[in-house]
């Protein structure tokens, strides 16, 4: 639990830290501004100076969560190594964050898509996938990956890794290693992008479909 008392002038940070502990422990349903005030030893009105209601608190959690996750992804993308090695590091950074903060990650994504989400939240919520798009485009320009629609490819990578992370966070891997699963997923994704995606006319059953180009 967050150490008490909180540092003077740091109530917002203390509220977010304690709120993160609560949602990871008992879920979003157990979160309330009044309980946070009691936990931090402040008046019931004090949290309202920073968050007008529970939704505003969730927005704050989402923003801080994306900032933390994006910092890890950015560091991974800027590390030494070729495009493939950096791609694997980005994937590991995302999966590690997701497994460590599964409830927070759900709050982040659901809040980002809330009709009342701020432009700031929507924008910061896209930073991670923008980094992936940029790396894929660089690898394509370098001739390491086949040409293809970068936005669609990055989305497929996100969906695959997010699914792996959710299974890992839910202890649904039947004993398989999270690291091994992440590595295998990135190997398949990279191999697929190297090979490229066939045009609709080239599909086995002859049906048309969208080509990722």
C-alpha atoms as a PDB file:
ATOM      1  CA  UNK A   1       0.000   0.000   0.000  1.00  0.00           C
ATOM      2  CA  UNK A   2       1.155   3.575  -0.638  1.00  0.00           C
ATOM      3  CA  UNK A   3       3.210   4.915   2.273  1.00  0.00           C
ATOM      4  CA  UNK A   4       1.399   7.473   4.431  1.00  0.00           C
ATOM      5  CA  UNK A   5       1.359  10.360   4.735  1.00  0.00           C
ATOM      6  CA  UNK A   6       1.778  11.545   1.165  1.00  0.00           C
ATOM      7  CA  UNK A   7       4.298  14.293   0.457  1.00  0.00           C
ATOM      8  CA  UNK A   8       2.892  17.788   0.646  1.00  0.00           C
ATOM      9  CA  UNK A   9       1.918  19.086  -2.785  1.00  0.00           C
ATOM     10  CA  UNK A  10       1.899  15.581  -4.257  1.00  0.00           C
ATOM     11  CA  UNK A  11      -1.722  14.640  -3.647  1.00  0.00           C
ATOM     12  CA  UNK A  12      -2.480  13.993  -7.335  1.00  0.00           C
ATOM     13  CA  UNK A  13       0.438  11.563  -7.609  1.00  0.00           C
ATOM     14  CA  UNK A  14      -0.549   9.871  -4.350  1.00  0.00           C
ATOM     15  CA  UNK A  15      -4.149   9.475  -5.505  1.00  0.00           C
ATOM     16  CA  UNK A  16      -3.063   7.889  -8.784  1.00  0.00           C
ATOM     17  CA  UNK A  17      -0.576   5.582  -7.069  1.00  0.00           C
ATOM     18  CA  UNK A  18      -3.154   4.354  -4.555  1.00  0.00           C
ATOM     19  CA  UNK A  19      -5.840   4.066  -7.253  1.00  0.00           C
ATOM     20  CA  UNK A  20      -3.500   1.854  -9.287  1.00  0.00           C
ATOM     21  CA  UNK A  21      -2.977  -0.411  -6.285  1.00  0.00           C
ATOM     22  CA  UNK A  22      -6.733  -0.678  -5.745  1.00  0.00           C
ATOM     23  CA  UNK A  23      -7.711  -1.537  -9.318  1.00  0.00           C
ATOM     24  CA  UNK A  24      -4.941  -4.114  -9.610  1.00  0.00           C
ATOM     25  CA  UNK A  25      -6.062  -5.639  -6.333  1.00  0.00           C
ATOM     26  CA  UNK A  26      -9.861  -5.589  -6.463  1.00  0.00           C
ATOM     27  CA  UNK A  27     -10.755  -4.108  -9.848  1.00  0.00           C
ATOM     28  CA  UNK A  28     -12.248  -0.820 -10.977  1.00  0.00           C
ATOM     29  CA  UNK A  29     -15.474  -1.544  -9.077  1.00  0.00           C
ATOM     30  CA  UNK A  30     -13.620  -1.126  -5.786  1.00  0.00           C
ATOM     31  CA  UNK A  31     -12.367   2.333  -6.677  1.00  0.00           C
ATOM     32  CA  UNK A  32     -13.909   5.468  -5.171  1.00  0.00           C
ATOM     33  CA  UNK A  33     -12.689   8.968  -4.417  1.00  0.00           C
ATOM     34  CA  UNK A  34     -14.004   8.768  -0.856  1.00  0.00           C
ATOM     35  CA  UNK A  35     -12.051   5.564  -0.197  1.00  0.00           C
ATOM     36  CA  UNK A  36      -8.924   7.110  -1.656  1.00  0.00           C
ATOM     37  CA  UNK A  37      -9.336  10.092   0.662  1.00  0.00           C
ATOM     38  CA  UNK A  38      -9.659   7.777   3.661  1.00  0.00           C
ATOM     39  CA  UNK A  39      -6.629   5.736   2.596  1.00  0.00           C
ATOM     40  CA  UNK A  40      -4.486   8.852   2.233  1.00  0.00           C
ATOM     41  CA  UNK A  41      -5.782  10.528   5.357  1.00  0.00           C
ATOM     42  CA  UNK A  42      -7.197  13.627   3.673  1.00  0.00           C
ATOM     43  CA  UNK A  43     -10.646  15.211   3.665  1.00  0.00           C
ATOM     44  CA  UNK A  44     -13.334  13.728   1.428  1.00  0.00           C
ATOM     45  CA  UNK A  45     -13.297  16.919  -0.633  1.00  0.00           C
ATOM     46  CA  UNK A  46      -9.530  16.937  -1.235  1.00  0.00           C
ATOM     47  CA  UNK A  47      -9.460  14.509  -4.211  1.00  0.00           C
ATOM     48  CA  UNK A  48     -12.032  16.701  -5.980  1.00  0.00           C
ATOM     49  CA  UNK A  49      -9.393  19.377  -6.409  1.00  0.00           C
ATOM     50  CA  UNK A  50      -7.663  17.080  -8.891  1.00  0.00           C
ATOM     51  CA  UNK A  51     -10.405  14.748 -10.166  1.00  0.00           C
ATOM     52  CA  UNK A  52     -14.011  15.897 -10.424  1.00  0.00           C
ATOM     53  CA  UNK A  53     -15.353  12.328 -10.432  1.00  0.00           C
ATOM     54  CA  UNK A  54     -14.395   8.683 -10.869  1.00  0.00           C
ATOM     55  CA  UNK A  55     -14.248   8.958 -14.670  1.00  0.00           C
ATOM     56  CA  UNK A  56     -11.775  11.831 -14.407  1.00  0.00           C
ATOM     57  CA  UNK A  57      -9.690   9.661 -12.088  1.00  0.00           C
ATOM     58  CA  UNK A  58      -9.756   6.837 -14.638  1.00  0.00           C
ATOM     59  CA  UNK A  59      -8.686   9.304 -17.328  1.00  0.00           C
ATOM     60  CA  UNK A  60      -5.747  10.296 -15.142  1.00  0.00           C
ATOM     61  CA  UNK A  61      -4.813   6.662 -14.603  1.00  0.00           C
ATOM     62  CA  UNK A  62      -4.976   6.023 -18.349  1.00  0.00           C
ATOM     63  CA  UNK A  63      -2.779   9.018 -19.159  1.00  0.00           C
ATOM     64  CA  UNK A  64      -0.148   8.043 -16.612  1.00  0.00           C
ATOM     65  CA  UNK A  65      -0.317   4.431 -17.743  1.00  0.00           C
ATOM     66  CA  UNK A  66       0.272   5.314 -21.381  1.00  0.00           C
ATOM     67  CA  UNK A  67       3.137   7.635 -20.449  1.00  0.00           C
ATOM     68  CA  UNK A  68       4.818   4.854 -18.492  1.00  0.00           C
ATOM     69  CA  UNK A  69       4.247   2.211 -21.153  1.00  0.00           C
ATOM     70  CA  UNK A  70       5.271   4.497 -24.010  1.00  0.00           C
ATOM     71  CA  UNK A  71       8.513   5.359 -22.234  1.00  0.00           C
ATOM     72  CA  UNK A  72       9.394   1.667 -22.176  1.00  0.00           C
ATOM     73  CA  UNK A  73       8.437   1.187 -25.810  1.00  0.00           C
ATOM     74  CA  UNK A  74      10.402   4.262 -26.873  1.00  0.00           C
ATOM     75  CA  UNK A  75      13.500   3.066 -25.025  1.00  0.00           C
ATOM     76  CA  UNK A  76      13.169  -0.339 -26.690  1.00  0.00           C
ATOM     77  CA  UNK A  77      12.816   1.213 -30.144  1.00  0.00           C
ATOM     78  CA  UNK A  78      15.887   3.407 -29.648  1.00  0.00           C
ATOM     79  CA  UNK A  79      18.146   0.654 -28.302  1.00  0.00           C
ATOM     80  CA  UNK A  80      21.100  -0.593 -30.316  1.00  0.00           C
ATOM     81  CA  UNK A  81      20.453  -3.359 -32.815  1.00  0.00           C
ATOM     82  CA  UNK A  82      18.934  -3.997 -36.199  1.00  0.00           C
ATOM     83  CA  UNK A  83      15.253  -3.564 -37.026  1.00  0.00           C
ATOM     84  CA  UNK A  84      14.378  -7.129 -36.111  1.00  0.00           C
ATOM     85  CA  UNK A  85      16.061  -6.914 -32.698  1.00  0.00           C
ATOM     86  CA  UNK A  86      14.333  -3.608 -31.956  1.00  0.00           C
ATOM     87  CA  UNK A  87      10.990  -5.087 -33.035  1.00  0.00           C
ATOM     88  CA  UNK A  88      11.443  -7.918 -30.534  1.00  0.00           C
ATOM     89  CA  UNK A  89      12.366  -5.454 -27.773  1.00  0.00           C
ATOM     90  CA  UNK A  90       9.276  -3.336 -28.465  1.00  0.00           C
ATOM     91  CA  UNK A  91       7.115  -6.444 -28.252  1.00  0.00           C
ATOM     92  CA  UNK A  92       8.757  -7.509 -24.993  1.00  0.00           C
ATOM     93  CA  UNK A  93       8.277  -4.043 -23.523  1.00  0.00           C
ATOM     94  CA  UNK A  94       4.558  -4.104 -24.316  1.00  0.00           C
ATOM     95  CA  UNK A  95       3.971  -7.642 -23.073  1.00  0.00           C
ATOM     96  CA  UNK A  96       5.978  -7.051 -19.875  1.00  0.00           C
ATOM     97  CA  UNK A  97       3.921  -3.953 -19.087  1.00  0.00           C
ATOM     98  CA  UNK A  98       0.653  -5.728 -19.899  1.00  0.00           C
ATOM     99  CA  UNK A  99       1.457  -8.728 -17.707  1.00  0.00           C
ATOM    100  CA  UNK A 100       2.579  -6.479 -14.832  1.00  0.00           C
ATOM    101  CA  UNK A 101      -0.463  -4.176 -15.055  1.00  0.00           C
ATOM    102  CA  UNK A 102      -3.339  -6.132 -16.638  1.00  0.00           C
ATOM    103  CA  UNK A 103      -6.209  -4.179 -15.070  1.00  0.00           C
ATOM    104  CA  UNK A 104      -4.526  -0.834 -15.667  1.00  0.00           C
ATOM    105  CA  UNK A 105      -3.980  -1.785 -19.317  1.00  0.00           C
ATOM    106  CA  UNK A 106      -7.695  -2.531 -19.694  1.00  0.00           C
ATOM    107  CA  UNK A 107      -8.517   0.852 -18.139  1.00  0.00           C
ATOM    108  CA  UNK A 108      -6.060   2.539 -20.495  1.00  0.00           C
ATOM    109  CA  UNK A 109      -7.556   1.105 -23.660  1.00  0.00           C
ATOM    110  CA  UNK A 110     -11.203   1.344 -22.608  1.00  0.00           C
ATOM    111  CA  UNK A 111     -10.795   4.942 -21.425  1.00  0.00           C
ATOM    112  CA  UNK A 112      -8.986   5.917 -24.616  1.00  0.00           C
ATOM    113  CA  UNK A 113     -12.015   4.743 -26.613  1.00  0.00           C
ATOM    114  CA  UNK A 114     -14.556   6.387 -24.311  1.00  0.00           C
ATOM    115  CA  UNK A 115     -16.709   8.943 -26.209  1.00  0.00           C
ATOM    116  CA  UNK A 116     -15.587  11.683 -23.819  1.00  0.00           C
ATOM    117  CA  UNK A 117     -11.884  10.865 -23.975  1.00  0.00           C
ATOM    118  CA  UNK A 118      -9.686  13.943 -24.315  1.00  0.00           C
ATOM    119  CA  UNK A 119      -7.628  14.625 -27.420  1.00  0.00           C
ATOM    120  CA  UNK A 120      -4.534  14.344 -25.239  1.00  0.00           C
ATOM    121  CA  UNK A 121      -5.478  10.835 -24.139  1.00  0.00           C
ATOM    122  CA  UNK A 122      -6.405   9.710 -27.655  1.00  0.00           C
ATOM    123  CA  UNK A 123      -3.114  11.044 -28.978  1.00  0.00           C
ATOM    124  CA  UNK A 124      -0.861   9.569 -26.307  1.00  0.00           C
ATOM    125  CA  UNK A 125      -2.764   6.307 -26.602  1.00  0.00           C
ATOM    126  CA  UNK A 126      -1.577   5.993 -30.208  1.00  0.00           C
ATOM    127  CA  UNK A 127       2.107   6.691 -29.532  1.00  0.00           C
ATOM    128  CA  UNK A 128       3.043   3.043 -29.048  1.00  0.00           C
ATOM    129  CA  UNK A 129       1.595   1.851 -32.337  1.00  0.00           C
ATOM    130  CA  UNK A 130       3.052   4.890 -34.102  1.00  0.00           C
ATOM    131  CA  UNK A 131       6.488   3.745 -32.973  1.00  0.00           C
ATOM    132  CA  UNK A 132       5.788   0.274 -34.361  1.00  0.00           C
ATOM    133  CA  UNK A 133       4.621   1.741 -37.672  1.00  0.00           C
ATOM    134  CA  UNK A 134       7.788   3.802 -37.960  1.00  0.00           C
ATOM    135  CA  UNK A 135      10.023   0.787 -37.353  1.00  0.00           C
ATOM    136  CA  UNK A 136       8.138  -1.351 -39.882  1.00  0.00           C
ATOM    137  CA  UNK A 137       8.375   1.436 -42.466  1.00  0.00           C
ATOM    138  CA  UNK A 138      12.121   1.773 -41.848  1.00  0.00           C
ATOM    139  CA  UNK A 139      12.593  -1.977 -42.286  1.00  0.00           C
ATOM    140  CA  UNK A 140      10.586  -1.877 -45.516  1.00  0.00           C
ATOM    141  CA  UNK A 141      12.686   0.996 -46.846  1.00  0.00           C
ATOM    142  CA  UNK A 142      15.817  -0.963 -45.961  1.00  0.00           C
ATOM    143  CA  UNK A 143      14.546  -3.954 -47.933  1.00  0.00           C
ATOM    144  CA  UNK A 144      14.295  -6.158 -44.849  1.00  0.00           C
ATOM    145  CA  UNK A 145      10.507  -6.469 -45.044  1.00  0.00           C
ATOM    146  CA  UNK A 146       8.210  -6.816 -48.014  1.00  0.00           C
ATOM    147  CA  UNK A 147       6.175  -3.795 -48.992  1.00  0.00           C
ATOM    148  CA  UNK A 148       2.784  -3.565 -47.353  1.00  0.00           C
ATOM    149  CA  UNK A 149       0.325  -1.270 -45.659  1.00  0.00           C
ATOM    150  CA  UNK A 150       2.217  -0.194 -42.549  1.00  0.00           C
ATOM    151  CA  UNK A 151      -0.889   0.737 -40.571  1.00  0.00           C
ATOM    152  CA  UNK A 152      -2.505  -2.657 -41.102  1.00  0.00           C
ATOM    153  CA  UNK A 153       0.699  -4.543 -40.370  1.00  0.00           C
ATOM    154  CA  UNK A 154       1.263  -2.644 -37.132  1.00  0.00           C
ATOM    155  CA  UNK A 155      -2.333  -3.337 -36.089  1.00  0.00           C
ATOM    156  CA  UNK A 156      -1.923  -7.066 -36.730  1.00  0.00           C
ATOM    157  CA  UNK A 157       1.247  -7.043 -34.620  1.00  0.00           C
ATOM    158  CA  UNK A 158      -0.560  -5.222 -31.807  1.00  0.00           C
ATOM    159  CA  UNK A 159      -3.523  -7.605 -31.865  1.00  0.00           C
ATOM    160  CA  UNK A 160      -1.248 -10.654 -31.765  1.00  0.00           C
ATOM    161  CA  UNK A 161       0.916  -9.386 -28.921  1.00  0.00           C
ATOM    162  CA  UNK A 162      -2.044  -8.024 -26.949  1.00  0.00           C
ATOM    163  CA  UNK A 163      -3.700 -11.435 -27.165  1.00  0.00           C
ATOM    164  CA  UNK A 164      -0.553 -13.150 -25.946  1.00  0.00           C
ATOM    165  CA  UNK A 165      -0.271 -10.668 -23.088  1.00  0.00           C
ATOM    166  CA  UNK A 166      -3.882 -11.211 -21.998  1.00  0.00           C
ATOM    167  CA  UNK A 167      -3.411 -14.978 -21.951  1.00  0.00           C
ATOM    168  CA  UNK A 168      -0.244 -14.598 -19.924  1.00  0.00           C
ATOM    169  CA  UNK A 169      -1.833 -12.148 -17.478  1.00  0.00           C
ATOM    170  CA  UNK A 170      -4.732 -14.555 -16.978  1.00  0.00           C
ATOM    171  CA  UNK A 171      -2.401 -17.508 -16.325  1.00  0.00           C
ATOM    172  CA  UNK A 172      -3.856 -19.283 -19.344  1.00  0.00           C
ATOM    173  CA  UNK A 173      -0.616 -20.445 -20.974  1.00  0.00           C
ATOM    174  CA  UNK A 174      -0.681 -23.923 -19.403  1.00  0.00           C
ATOM    175  CA  UNK A 175       2.811 -23.530 -18.047  1.00  0.00           C
ATOM    176  CA  UNK A 176       4.360 -22.019 -21.164  1.00  0.00           C
ATOM    177  CA  UNK A 177       6.905 -19.256 -20.641  1.00  0.00           C
ATOM    178  CA  UNK A 178       5.729 -15.706 -21.352  1.00  0.00           C
ATOM    179  CA  UNK A 179       9.133 -14.879 -22.819  1.00  0.00           C
ATOM    180  CA  UNK A 180       9.055 -17.945 -25.061  1.00  0.00           C
ATOM    181  CA  UNK A 181       5.554 -17.087 -26.270  1.00  0.00           C
ATOM    182  CA  UNK A 182       6.529 -13.481 -26.959  1.00  0.00           C
ATOM    183  CA  UNK A 183       9.605 -14.573 -28.893  1.00  0.00           C
ATOM    184  CA  UNK A 184       7.651 -17.130 -30.932  1.00  0.00           C
ATOM    185  CA  UNK A 185       4.968 -14.547 -31.715  1.00  0.00           C
ATOM    186  CA  UNK A 186       7.513 -11.968 -32.890  1.00  0.00           C
ATOM    187  CA  UNK A 187       9.293 -14.586 -35.003  1.00  0.00           C
ATOM    188  CA  UNK A 188       6.050 -15.471 -36.786  1.00  0.00           C
ATOM    189  CA  UNK A 189       5.052 -11.844 -37.239  1.00  0.00           C
ATOM    190  CA  UNK A 190       8.443 -10.861 -38.624  1.00  0.00           C
ATOM    191  CA  UNK A 191       8.573 -13.872 -40.949  1.00  0.00           C
ATOM    192  CA  UNK A 192       5.134 -12.990 -42.247  1.00  0.00           C
ATOM    193  CA  UNK A 193       6.163  -9.407 -42.944  1.00  0.00           C
ATOM    194  CA  UNK A 194       9.318 -10.615 -44.694  1.00  0.00           C
ATOM    195  CA  UNK A 195       7.269 -12.885 -46.937  1.00  0.00           C
ATOM    196  CA  UNK A 196       4.594 -10.266 -47.556  1.00  0.00           C
ATOM    197  CA  UNK A 197       0.860 -10.739 -47.932  1.00  0.00           C
ATOM    198  CA  UNK A 198      -0.509 -12.160 -51.205  1.00  0.00           C
ATOM    199  CA  UNK A 199      -2.803 -10.094 -53.365  1.00  0.00           C
ATOM    200  CA  UNK A 200      -6.520 -11.080 -53.280  1.00  0.00           C
ATOM    201  CA  UNK A 201      -6.258 -12.790 -56.677  1.00  0.00           C
ATOM    202  CA  UNK A 202      -3.477 -14.979 -55.314  1.00  0.00           C
ATOM    203  CA  UNK A 203      -5.439 -16.434 -52.392  1.00  0.00           C
ATOM    204  CA  UNK A 204      -5.956 -20.181 -52.427  1.00  0.00           C
ATOM    205  CA  UNK A 205      -9.726 -20.197 -52.575  1.00  0.00           C
ATOM    206  CA  UNK A 206      -9.889 -17.535 -55.246  1.00  0.00           C
ATOM    207  CA  UNK A 207     -11.914 -15.151 -53.101  1.00  0.00           C
ATOM    208  CA  UNK A 208     -10.963 -11.506 -52.917  1.00  0.00           C
ATOM    209  CA  UNK A 209      -9.820  -9.760 -49.803  1.00  0.00           C
ATOM    210  CA  UNK A 210      -7.995  -6.700 -48.736  1.00  0.00           C
ATOM    211  CA  UNK A 211      -4.331  -6.685 -49.592  1.00  0.00           C
ATOM    212  CA  UNK A 212      -2.041  -5.113 -47.020  1.00  0.00           C
ATOM    213  CA  UNK A 213      -0.265  -2.808 -49.445  1.00  0.00           C
END
